[in-house]
């Protein structure tokens, strides 16, 4: 189940990071934090994917393009983390992610 509520703190932090570092900078930071968190929580890729869906829902409600960009970056991050966890054999494939055959 996707949690559609995002705290104001998370919204403000992500928008601030997007404006400060740009789309590529936010992606690099998200992957870095994600890899550290994935060492502790092997389902962190799914949490990031759910957060991406929440930002997409927020974009649809508000029309703020920053939320759409953040959603795209987080989805890309989730797929990157998932592939990395698959390579490390810490995770099995999941139908919510694209995997190469």
PDB file of N, CA and C in Angstrom:
ATOM      1  N   UNK A   1       0.845  -1.183   0.000  1.00  0.00           N
ATOM      2  CA  UNK A   1       0.000   0.000   0.000  1.00  0.00           C
ATOM      3  C   UNK A   1       0.885   1.239   0.000  1.00  0.00           C
ATOM      4  N   UNK A   2       0.548   2.179  -0.827  1.00  0.00           N
ATOM      5  CA  UNK A   2       1.327   3.401  -0.959  1.00  0.00           C
ATOM      6  C   UNK A   2       0.833   4.431   0.040  1.00  0.00           C
ATOM      7  N   UNK A   3       1.767   4.988   0.774  1.00  0.00           N
ATOM      8  CA  UNK A   3       1.441   6.057   1.706  1.00  0.00           C
ATOM      9  C   UNK A   3       1.427   7.361   0.926  1.00  0.00           C
ATOM     10  N   UNK A   4       0.279   7.978   0.782  1.00  0.00           N
ATOM     11  CA  UNK A   4       0.153   9.183  -0.030  1.00  0.00           C
ATOM     12  C   UNK A   4       0.455  10.448   0.747  1.00  0.00           C
ATOM     13  N   UNK A   5       0.655  10.358   2.038  1.00  0.00           N
ATOM     14  CA  UNK A   5       0.948  11.531   2.835  1.00  0.00           C
ATOM     15  C   UNK A   5       2.459  11.703   2.971  1.00  0.00           C
ATOM     16  N   UNK A   6       2.942  12.856   2.573  1.00  0.00           N
ATOM     17  CA  UNK A   6       4.348  13.197   2.716  1.00  0.00           C
ATOM     18  C   UNK A   6       4.418  14.354   3.692  1.00  0.00           C
ATOM     19  N   UNK A   7       5.323  14.257   4.640  1.00  0.00           N
ATOM     20  CA  UNK A   7       5.429  15.340   5.617  1.00  0.00           C
ATOM     21  C   UNK A   7       5.929  16.606   4.936  1.00  0.00           C
ATOM     22  N   UNK A   8       5.555  17.736   5.501  1.00  0.00           N
ATOM     23  CA  UNK A   8       6.007  19.021   4.961  1.00  0.00           C
ATOM     24  C   UNK A   8       7.528  19.110   4.995  1.00  0.00           C
ATOM     25  N   UNK A   9       8.135  18.518   6.009  1.00  0.00           N
ATOM     26  CA  UNK A   9       9.591  18.527   6.134  1.00  0.00           C
ATOM     27  C   UNK A   9      10.231  17.812   4.935  1.00  0.00           C
ATOM     28  N   UNK A  10       9.680  16.652   4.558  1.00  0.00           N
ATOM     29  CA  UNK A  10      10.203  15.902   3.410  1.00  0.00           C
ATOM     30  C   UNK A  10       9.996  16.671   2.104  1.00  0.00           C
ATOM     31  N   UNK A  11       8.831  17.288   1.965  1.00  0.00           N
ATOM     32  CA  UNK A  11       8.555  18.073   0.758  1.00  0.00           C
ATOM     33  C   UNK A  11       9.559  19.215   0.626  1.00  0.00           C
ATOM     34  N   UNK A  12       9.710  19.973   1.704  1.00  0.00           N
ATOM     35  CA  UNK A  12      10.594  21.135   1.679  1.00  0.00           C
ATOM     36  C   UNK A  12      12.041  20.720   1.451  1.00  0.00           C
ATOM     37  N   UNK A  13      12.462  19.633   2.087  1.00  0.00           N
ATOM     38  CA  UNK A  13      13.842  19.171   1.944  1.00  0.00           C
ATOM     39  C   UNK A  13      14.138  18.758   0.503  1.00  0.00           C
ATOM     40  N   UNK A  14      13.253  17.995  -0.096  1.00  0.00           N
ATOM     41  CA  UNK A  14      13.472  17.538  -1.463  1.00  0.00           C
ATOM     42  C   UNK A  14      13.431  18.684  -2.463  1.00  0.00           C
ATOM     43  N   UNK A  15      12.519  19.611  -2.297  1.00  0.00           N
ATOM     44  CA  UNK A  15      12.450  20.769  -3.200  1.00  0.00           C
ATOM     45  C   UNK A  15      13.709  21.617  -3.037  1.00  0.00           C
ATOM     46  N   UNK A  16      14.147  21.802  -1.800  1.00  0.00           N
ATOM     47  CA  UNK A  16      15.358  22.587  -1.541  1.00  0.00           C
ATOM     48  C   UNK A  16      16.576  21.930  -2.193  1.00  0.00           C
ATOM     49  N   UNK A  17      16.709  20.609  -2.054  1.00  0.00           N
ATOM     50  CA  UNK A  17      17.827  19.897  -2.669  1.00  0.00           C
ATOM     51  C   UNK A  17      17.756  19.960  -4.191  1.00  0.00           C
ATOM     52  N   UNK A  18      16.555  19.853  -4.744  1.00  0.00           N
ATOM     53  CA  UNK A  18      16.389  19.935  -6.192  1.00  0.00           C
ATOM     54  C   UNK A  18      16.830  21.302  -6.705  1.00  0.00           C
ATOM     55  N   UNK A  19      16.419  22.342  -6.033  1.00  0.00           N
ATOM     56  CA  UNK A  19      16.772  23.698  -6.478  1.00  0.00           C
ATOM     57  C   UNK A  19      18.254  23.992  -6.281  1.00  0.00           C
ATOM     58  N   UNK A  20      18.835  23.428  -5.242  1.00  0.00           N
ATOM     59  CA  UNK A  20      20.250  23.700  -4.958  1.00  0.00           C
ATOM     60  C   UNK A  20      21.190  22.908  -5.876  1.00  0.00           C
ATOM     61  N   UNK A  21      20.904  21.627  -6.097  1.00  0.00           N
ATOM     62  CA  UNK A  21      21.816  20.752  -6.822  1.00  0.00           C
ATOM     63  C   UNK A  21      21.332  20.366  -8.218  1.00  0.00           C
ATOM     64  N   UNK A  22      20.091  20.633  -8.526  1.00  0.00           N
ATOM     65  CA  UNK A  22      19.548  20.240  -9.820  1.00  0.00           C
ATOM     66  C   UNK A  22      19.124  18.781  -9.816  1.00  0.00           C
ATOM     67  N   UNK A  23      18.577  18.359 -10.940  1.00  0.00           N
ATOM     68  CA  UNK A  23      18.039  17.000 -11.056  1.00  0.00           C
ATOM     69  C   UNK A  23      19.136  15.944 -10.896  1.00  0.00           C
ATOM     70  N   UNK A  24      20.259  16.117 -11.581  1.00  0.00           N
ATOM     71  CA  UNK A  24      21.343  15.135 -11.514  1.00  0.00           C
ATOM     72  C   UNK A  24      21.978  15.111 -10.123  1.00  0.00           C
ATOM     73  N   UNK A  25      22.129  16.266  -9.498  1.00  0.00           N
ATOM     74  CA  UNK A  25      22.693  16.326  -8.148  1.00  0.00           C
ATOM     75  C   UNK A  25      21.799  15.646  -7.130  1.00  0.00           C
ATOM     76  N   UNK A  26      20.484  15.851  -7.256  1.00  0.00           N
ATOM     77  CA  UNK A  26      19.535  15.188  -6.360  1.00  0.00           C
ATOM     78  C   UNK A  26      19.612  13.675  -6.547  1.00  0.00           C
ATOM     79  N   UNK A  27      19.731  13.241  -7.795  1.00  0.00           N
ATOM     80  CA  UNK A  27      19.843  11.805  -8.077  1.00  0.00           C
ATOM     81  C   UNK A  27      21.087  11.215  -7.411  1.00  0.00           C
ATOM     82  N   UNK A  28      22.228  11.876  -7.559  1.00  0.00           N
ATOM     83  CA  UNK A  28      23.472  11.367  -6.966  1.00  0.00           C
ATOM     84  C   UNK A  28      23.370  11.303  -5.453  1.00  0.00           C
ATOM     85  N   UNK A  29      22.795  12.321  -4.844  1.00  0.00           N
ATOM     86  CA  UNK A  29      22.638  12.315  -3.389  1.00  0.00           C
ATOM     87  C   UNK A  29      21.669  11.226  -2.948  1.00  0.00           C
ATOM     88  N   UNK A  30      20.576  11.052  -3.694  1.00  0.00           N
ATOM     89  CA  UNK A  30      19.587  10.032  -3.343  1.00  0.00           C
ATOM     90  C   UNK A  30      20.176   8.632  -3.457  1.00  0.00           C
ATOM     91  N   UNK A  31      20.992   8.392  -4.486  1.00  0.00           N
ATOM     92  CA  UNK A  31      21.623   7.075  -4.631  1.00  0.00           C
ATOM     93  C   UNK A  31      22.612   6.842  -3.493  1.00  0.00           C
ATOM     94  N   UNK A  32      23.392   7.862  -3.145  1.00  0.00           N
ATOM     95  CA  UNK A  32      24.353   7.724  -2.051  1.00  0.00           C
ATOM     96  C   UNK A  32      23.685   7.396  -0.727  1.00  0.00           C
ATOM     97  N   UNK A  33      22.644   8.145  -0.408  1.00  0.00           N
ATOM     98  CA  UNK A  33      21.899   7.885   0.828  1.00  0.00           C
ATOM     99  C   UNK A  33      21.209   6.532   0.746  1.00  0.00           C
ATOM    100  N   UNK A  34      20.678   6.216  -0.417  1.00  0.00           N
ATOM    101  CA  UNK A  34      19.982   4.944  -0.606  1.00  0.00           C
ATOM    102  C   UNK A  34      20.888   3.747  -0.407  1.00  0.00           C
ATOM    103  N   UNK A  35      22.125   3.829  -0.888  1.00  0.00           N
ATOM    104  CA  UNK A  35      23.052   2.706  -0.719  1.00  0.00           C
ATOM    105  C   UNK A  35      23.405   2.509   0.756  1.00  0.00           C
ATOM    106  N   UNK A  36      23.549   3.619   1.480  1.00  0.00           N
ATOM    107  CA  UNK A  36      23.826   3.493   2.919  1.00  0.00           C
ATOM    108  C   UNK A  36      22.630   2.888   3.646  1.00  0.00           C
ATOM    109  N   UNK A  37      21.422   3.334   3.289  1.00  0.00           N
ATOM    110  CA  UNK A  37      20.217   2.811   3.942  1.00  0.00           C
ATOM    111  C   UNK A  37      19.935   1.366   3.536  1.00  0.00           C
ATOM    112  N   UNK A  38      20.278   1.012   2.306  1.00  0.00           N
ATOM    113  CA  UNK A  38      20.030  -0.348   1.819  1.00  0.00           C
ATOM    114  C   UNK A  38      20.888  -1.363   2.555  1.00  0.00           C
ATOM    115  N   UNK A  39      22.008  -0.932   3.109  1.00  0.00           N
ATOM    116  CA  UNK A  39      22.838  -1.835   3.900  1.00  0.00           C
ATOM    117  C   UNK A  39      22.107  -2.263   5.174  1.00  0.00           C
ATOM    118  N   UNK A  40      21.240  -1.397   5.652  1.00  0.00           N
ATOM    119  CA  UNK A  40      20.479  -1.679   6.876  1.00  0.00           C
ATOM    120  C   UNK A  40      19.115  -2.293   6.545  1.00  0.00           C
ATOM    121  N   UNK A  41      18.447  -1.691   5.556  1.00  0.00           N
ATOM    122  CA  UNK A  41      17.086  -2.087   5.191  1.00  0.00           C
ATOM    123  C   UNK A  41      17.092  -2.558   3.733  1.00  0.00           C
ATOM    124  N   UNK A  42      16.986  -3.848   3.506  1.00  0.00           N
ATOM    125  CA  UNK A  42      17.062  -4.400   2.154  1.00  0.00           C
ATOM    126  C   UNK A  42      15.825  -4.099   1.305  1.00  0.00           C
ATOM    127  N   UNK A  43      14.794  -3.512   1.880  1.00  0.00           N
ATOM    128  CA  UNK A  43      13.603  -3.118   1.126  1.00  0.00           C
ATOM    129  C   UNK A  43      13.552  -1.616   0.905  1.00  0.00           C
ATOM    130  N   UNK A  44      14.678  -0.950   1.051  1.00  0.00           N
ATOM    131  CA  UNK A  44      14.713   0.503   0.912  1.00  0.00           C
ATOM    132  C   UNK A  44      14.355   0.935  -0.509  1.00  0.00           C
ATOM    133  N   UNK A  45      14.674   0.111  -1.500  1.00  0.00           N
ATOM    134  CA  UNK A  45      14.319   0.441  -2.880  1.00  0.00           C
ATOM    135  C   UNK A  45      12.803   0.548  -3.047  1.00  0.00           C
ATOM    136  N   UNK A  46      12.071  -0.306  -2.365  1.00  0.00           N
ATOM    137  CA  UNK A  46      10.606  -0.261  -2.438  1.00  0.00           C
ATOM    138  C   UNK A  46      10.079   0.974  -1.715  1.00  0.00           C
ATOM    139  N   UNK A  47      10.714   1.346  -0.601  1.00  0.00           N
ATOM    140  CA  UNK A  47      10.310   2.558   0.105  1.00  0.00           C
ATOM    141  C   UNK A  47      10.510   3.791  -0.770  1.00  0.00           C
ATOM    142  N   UNK A  48      11.626   3.837  -1.488  1.00  0.00           N
ATOM    143  CA  UNK A  48      11.902   4.959  -2.387  1.00  0.00           C
ATOM    144  C   UNK A  48      10.882   4.973  -3.532  1.00  0.00           C
ATOM    145  N   UNK A  49      10.543   3.806  -4.045  1.00  0.00           N
ATOM    146  CA  UNK A  49       9.542   3.724  -5.114  1.00  0.00           C
ATOM    147  C   UNK A  49       8.181   4.228  -4.623  1.00  0.00           C
ATOM    148  N   UNK A  50       7.804   3.862  -3.411  1.00  0.00           N
ATOM    149  CA  UNK A  50       6.547   4.345  -2.836  1.00  0.00           C
ATOM    150  C   UNK A  50       6.576   5.857  -2.629  1.00  0.00           C
ATOM    151  N   UNK A  51       7.730   6.385  -2.190  1.00  0.00           N
ATOM    152  CA  UNK A  51       7.871   7.824  -2.012  1.00  0.00           C
ATOM    153  C   UNK A  51       7.746   8.535  -3.360  1.00  0.00           C
ATOM    154  N   UNK A  52       8.303   7.924  -4.400  1.00  0.00           N
ATOM    155  CA  UNK A  52       8.180   8.479  -5.745  1.00  0.00           C
ATOM    156  C   UNK A  52       6.712   8.555  -6.160  1.00  0.00           C
ATOM    157  N   UNK A  53       5.964   7.502  -5.894  1.00  0.00           N
ATOM    158  CA  UNK A  53       4.527   7.495  -6.221  1.00  0.00           C
ATOM    159  C   UNK A  53       3.778   8.571  -5.438  1.00  0.00           C
ATOM    160  N   UNK A  54       4.186   8.784  -4.189  1.00  0.00           N
ATOM    161  CA  UNK A  54       3.545   9.823  -3.378  1.00  0.00           C
ATOM    162  C   UNK A  54       3.816  11.210  -3.944  1.00  0.00           C
ATOM    163  N   UNK A  55       5.047  11.451  -4.401  1.00  0.00           N
ATOM    164  CA  UNK A  55       5.359  12.745  -5.009  1.00  0.00           C
ATOM    165  C   UNK A  55       4.609  12.919  -6.330  1.00  0.00           C
ATOM    166  N   UNK A  56       4.410  11.845  -7.071  1.00  0.00           N
ATOM    167  CA  UNK A  56       3.643  11.929  -8.311  1.00  0.00           C
ATOM    168  C   UNK A  56       2.190  12.292  -8.011  1.00  0.00           C
ATOM    169  N   UNK A  57       1.628  11.691  -6.976  1.00  0.00           N
ATOM    170  CA  UNK A  57       0.264  12.021  -6.554  1.00  0.00           C
ATOM    171  C   UNK A  57       0.182  13.489  -6.131  1.00  0.00           C
ATOM    172  N   UNK A  58       1.194  13.942  -5.402  1.00  0.00           N
ATOM    173  CA  UNK A  58       1.232  15.336  -4.957  1.00  0.00           C
ATOM    174  C   UNK A  58       1.323  16.284  -6.159  1.00  0.00           C
ATOM    175  N   UNK A  59       2.105  15.905  -7.159  1.00  0.00           N
ATOM    176  CA  UNK A  59       2.187  16.716  -8.391  1.00  0.00           C
ATOM    177  C   UNK A  59       0.825  16.810  -9.061  1.00  0.00           C
ATOM    178  N   UNK A  60       0.122  15.700  -9.133  1.00  0.00           N
ATOM    179  CA  UNK A  60      -1.189  15.694  -9.791  1.00  0.00           C
ATOM    180  C   UNK A  60      -2.197  16.557  -9.046  1.00  0.00           C
ATOM    181  N   UNK A  61      -2.042  16.636  -7.726  1.00  0.00           N
ATOM    182  CA  UNK A  61      -2.958  17.450  -6.933  1.00  0.00           C
ATOM    183  C   UNK A  61      -2.636  18.935  -7.013  1.00  0.00           C
ATOM    184  N   UNK A  62      -1.325  19.271  -7.032  1.00  0.00           N
ATOM    185  CA  UNK A  62      -0.924  20.675  -6.956  1.00  0.00           C
ATOM    186  C   UNK A  62      -0.506  21.264  -8.293  1.00  0.00           C
ATOM    187  N   UNK A  63      -0.004  20.438  -9.203  1.00  0.00           N
ATOM    188  CA  UNK A  63       0.487  20.936 -10.475  1.00  0.00           C
ATOM    189  C   UNK A  63       1.901  21.494 -10.404  1.00  0.00           C
ATOM    190  N   UNK A  64       2.569  21.370  -9.259  1.00  0.00           N
ATOM    191  CA  UNK A  64       3.933  21.881  -9.071  1.00  0.00           C
ATOM    192  C   UNK A  64       4.916  20.956  -9.799  1.00  0.00           C
ATOM    193  N   UNK A  65       5.607  21.488 -10.802  1.00  0.00           N
ATOM    194  CA  UNK A  65       6.535  20.689 -11.614  1.00  0.00           C
ATOM    195  C   UNK A  65       7.700  20.130 -10.802  1.00  0.00           C
ATOM    196  N   UNK A  66       8.068  20.807  -9.710  1.00  0.00           N
ATOM    197  CA  UNK A  66       9.161  20.305  -8.866  1.00  0.00           C
ATOM    198  C   UNK A  66       8.829  18.915  -8.327  1.00  0.00           C
ATOM    199  N   UNK A  67       7.584  18.700  -7.969  1.00  0.00           N
ATOM    200  CA  UNK A  67       7.176  17.391  -7.444  1.00  0.00           C
ATOM    201  C   UNK A  67       7.265  16.306  -8.514  1.00  0.00           C
ATOM    202  N   UNK A  68       6.952  16.649  -9.755  1.00  0.00           N
ATOM    203  CA  UNK A  68       7.070  15.683 -10.853  1.00  0.00           C
ATOM    204  C   UNK A  68       8.530  15.315 -11.078  1.00  0.00           C
ATOM    205  N   UNK A  69       9.407  16.305 -11.025  1.00  0.00           N
ATOM    206  CA  UNK A  69      10.840  16.056 -11.192  1.00  0.00           C
ATOM    207  C   UNK A  69      11.372  15.191 -10.065  1.00  0.00           C
ATOM    208  N   UNK A  70      10.981  15.501  -8.839  1.00  0.00           N
ATOM    209  CA  UNK A  70      11.420  14.704  -7.689  1.00  0.00           C
ATOM    210  C   UNK A  70      10.922  13.270  -7.828  1.00  0.00           C
ATOM    211  N   UNK A  71       9.703  13.097  -8.273  1.00  0.00           N
ATOM    212  CA  UNK A  71       9.146  11.759  -8.478  1.00  0.00           C
ATOM    213  C   UNK A  71       9.975  10.970  -9.483  1.00  0.00           C
ATOM    214  N   UNK A  72      10.333  11.612 -10.603  1.00  0.00           N
ATOM    215  CA  UNK A  72      11.161  10.954 -11.625  1.00  0.00           C
ATOM    216  C   UNK A  72      12.523  10.561 -11.071  1.00  0.00           C
ATOM    217  N   UNK A  73      13.136  11.474 -10.328  1.00  0.00           N
ATOM    218  CA  UNK A  73      14.460  11.209  -9.764  1.00  0.00           C
ATOM    219  C   UNK A  73      14.390  10.051  -8.771  1.00  0.00           C
ATOM    220  N   UNK A  74      13.378  10.051  -7.922  1.00  0.00           N
ATOM    221  CA  UNK A  74      13.263   8.980  -6.923  1.00  0.00           C
ATOM    222  C   UNK A  74      12.967   7.638  -7.574  1.00  0.00           C
ATOM    223  N   UNK A  75      12.168   7.627  -8.629  1.00  0.00           N
ATOM    224  CA  UNK A  75      11.895   6.365  -9.336  1.00  0.00           C
ATOM    225  C   UNK A  75      13.180   5.836  -9.957  1.00  0.00           C
ATOM    226  N   UNK A  76      13.941   6.717 -10.569  1.00  0.00           N
ATOM    227  CA  UNK A  76      15.228   6.321 -11.156  1.00  0.00           C
ATOM    228  C   UNK A  76      16.174   5.799 -10.073  1.00  0.00           C
ATOM    229  N   UNK A  77      16.175   6.458  -8.926  1.00  0.00           N
ATOM    230  CA  UNK A  77      17.001   6.023  -7.796  1.00  0.00           C
ATOM    231  C   UNK A  77      16.584   4.644  -7.316  1.00  0.00           C
ATOM    232  N   UNK A  78      15.276   4.416  -7.195  1.00  0.00           N
ATOM    233  CA  UNK A  78      14.782   3.119  -6.725  1.00  0.00           C
ATOM    234  C   UNK A  78      15.215   1.999  -7.665  1.00  0.00           C
ATOM    235  N   UNK A  79      15.148   2.243  -8.973  1.00  0.00           N
ATOM    236  CA  UNK A  79      15.573   1.221  -9.930  1.00  0.00           C
ATOM    237  C   UNK A  79      17.075   0.977  -9.848  1.00  0.00           C
ATOM    238  N   UNK A  80      17.846   2.031  -9.656  1.00  0.00           N
ATOM    239  CA  UNK A  80      19.293   1.885  -9.506  1.00  0.00           C
ATOM    240  C   UNK A  80      19.616   1.064  -8.268  1.00  0.00           C
ATOM    241  N   UNK A  81      18.970   1.374  -7.147  1.00  0.00           N
ATOM    242  CA  UNK A  81      19.204   0.628  -5.910  1.00  0.00           C
ATOM    243  C   UNK A  81      18.803  -0.834  -6.077  1.00  0.00           C
ATOM    244  N   UNK A  82      17.681  -1.068  -6.723  1.00  0.00           N
ATOM    245  CA  UNK A  82      17.206  -2.437  -6.912  1.00  0.00           C
ATOM    246  C   UNK A  82      18.211  -3.251  -7.737  1.00  0.00           C
ATOM    247  N   UNK A  83      18.712  -2.658  -8.825  1.00  0.00           N
ATOM    248  CA  UNK A  83      19.715  -3.366  -9.648  1.00  0.00           C
ATOM    249  C   UNK A  83      20.980  -3.650  -8.851  1.00  0.00           C
ATOM    250  N   UNK A  84      21.398  -2.695  -8.037  1.00  0.00           N
ATOM    251  CA  UNK A  84      22.606  -2.887  -7.234  1.00  0.00           C
ATOM    252  C   UNK A  84      22.401  -4.003  -6.205  1.00  0.00           C
ATOM    253  N   UNK A  85      21.237  -4.033  -5.578  1.00  0.00           N
ATOM    254  CA  UNK A  85      20.950  -5.095  -4.606  1.00  0.00           C
ATOM    255  C   UNK A  85      20.870  -6.456  -5.290  1.00  0.00           C
ATOM    256  N   UNK A  86      20.361  -6.493  -6.515  1.00  0.00           N
ATOM    257  CA  UNK A  86      20.333  -7.746  -7.268  1.00  0.00           C
ATOM    258  C   UNK A  86      21.748  -8.226  -7.567  1.00  0.00           C
ATOM    259  N   UNK A  87      22.623  -7.301  -7.959  1.00  0.00           N
ATOM    260  CA  UNK A  87      24.017  -7.669  -8.249  1.00  0.00           C
ATOM    261  C   UNK A  87      24.721  -8.202  -7.018  1.00  0.00           C
ATOM    262  N   UNK A  88      24.400  -7.643  -5.863  1.00  0.00           N
ATOM    263  CA  UNK A  88      25.014  -8.084  -4.616  1.00  0.00           C
ATOM    264  C   UNK A  88      24.328  -9.328  -4.043  1.00  0.00           C
ATOM    265  N   UNK A  89      23.326  -9.814  -4.750  1.00  0.00           N
ATOM    266  CA  UNK A  89      22.551 -10.993  -4.347  1.00  0.00           C
ATOM    267  C   UNK A  89      21.915 -10.824  -2.960  1.00  0.00           C
ATOM    268  N   UNK A  90      21.499  -9.607  -2.662  1.00  0.00           N
ATOM    269  CA  UNK A  90      20.822  -9.319  -1.401  1.00  0.00           C
ATOM    270  C   UNK A  90      19.308  -9.240  -1.585  1.00  0.00           C
ATOM    271  N   UNK A  91      18.873  -9.416  -2.832  1.00  0.00           N
ATOM    272  CA  UNK A  91      17.453  -9.250  -3.119  1.00  0.00           C
ATOM    273  C   UNK A  91      17.075 -10.112  -4.310  1.00  0.00           C
ATOM    274  N   UNK A  92      15.832 -10.565  -4.332  1.00  0.00           N
ATOM    275  CA  UNK A  92      15.286 -11.265  -5.488  1.00  0.00           C
ATOM    276  C   UNK A  92      14.572 -10.250  -6.377  1.00  0.00           C
ATOM    277  N   UNK A  93      14.291 -10.654  -7.605  1.00  0.00           N
ATOM    278  CA  UNK A  93      13.605  -9.740  -8.516  1.00  0.00           C
ATOM    279  C   UNK A  93      12.211  -9.410  -7.987  1.00  0.00           C
ATOM    280  N   UNK A  94      11.737  -8.250  -8.369  1.00  0.00           N
ATOM    281  CA  UNK A  94      10.433  -7.773  -7.946  1.00  0.00           C
ATOM    282  C   UNK A  94       9.710  -7.267  -9.191  1.00  0.00           C
ATOM    283  N   UNK A  95       8.445  -7.620  -9.389  1.00  0.00           N
ATOM    284  CA  UNK A  95       7.739  -7.219 -10.624  1.00  0.00           C
ATOM    285  C   UNK A  95       7.534  -5.712 -10.752  1.00  0.00           C
ATOM    286  N   UNK A  96       7.724  -4.943  -9.689  1.00  0.00           N
ATOM    287  CA  UNK A  96       7.560  -3.496  -9.787  1.00  0.00           C
ATOM    288  C   UNK A  96       8.755  -2.810 -10.432  1.00  0.00           C
ATOM    289  N   UNK A  97       9.835  -3.573 -10.646  1.00  0.00           N
ATOM    290  CA  UNK A  97      11.049  -3.003 -11.201  1.00  0.00           C
ATOM    291  C   UNK A  97      11.356  -3.619 -12.552  1.00  0.00           C
ATOM    292  N   UNK A  98      11.988  -2.821 -13.410  1.00  0.00           N
ATOM    293  CA  UNK A  98      12.423  -3.311 -14.696  1.00  0.00           C
ATOM    294  C   UNK A  98      13.693  -4.135 -14.507  1.00  0.00           C
ATOM    295  N   UNK A  99      13.717  -5.333 -15.073  1.00  0.00           N
ATOM    296  CA  UNK A  99      14.924  -6.160 -15.012  1.00  0.00           C
ATOM    297  C   UNK A  99      15.233  -6.671 -16.400  1.00  0.00           C
ATOM    298  N   UNK A 100      16.494  -6.718 -16.707  1.00  0.00           N
ATOM    299  CA  UNK A 100      16.929  -7.213 -18.014  1.00  0.00           C
ATOM    300  C   UNK A 100      16.948  -8.732 -18.011  1.00  0.00           C
ATOM    301  N   UNK A 101      16.584  -9.301 -19.129  1.00  0.00           N
ATOM    302  CA  UNK A 101      16.573 -10.764 -19.250  1.00  0.00           C
ATOM    303  C   UNK A 101      17.869 -11.217 -19.829  1.00  0.00           C
TER     304      UNK A 101
END
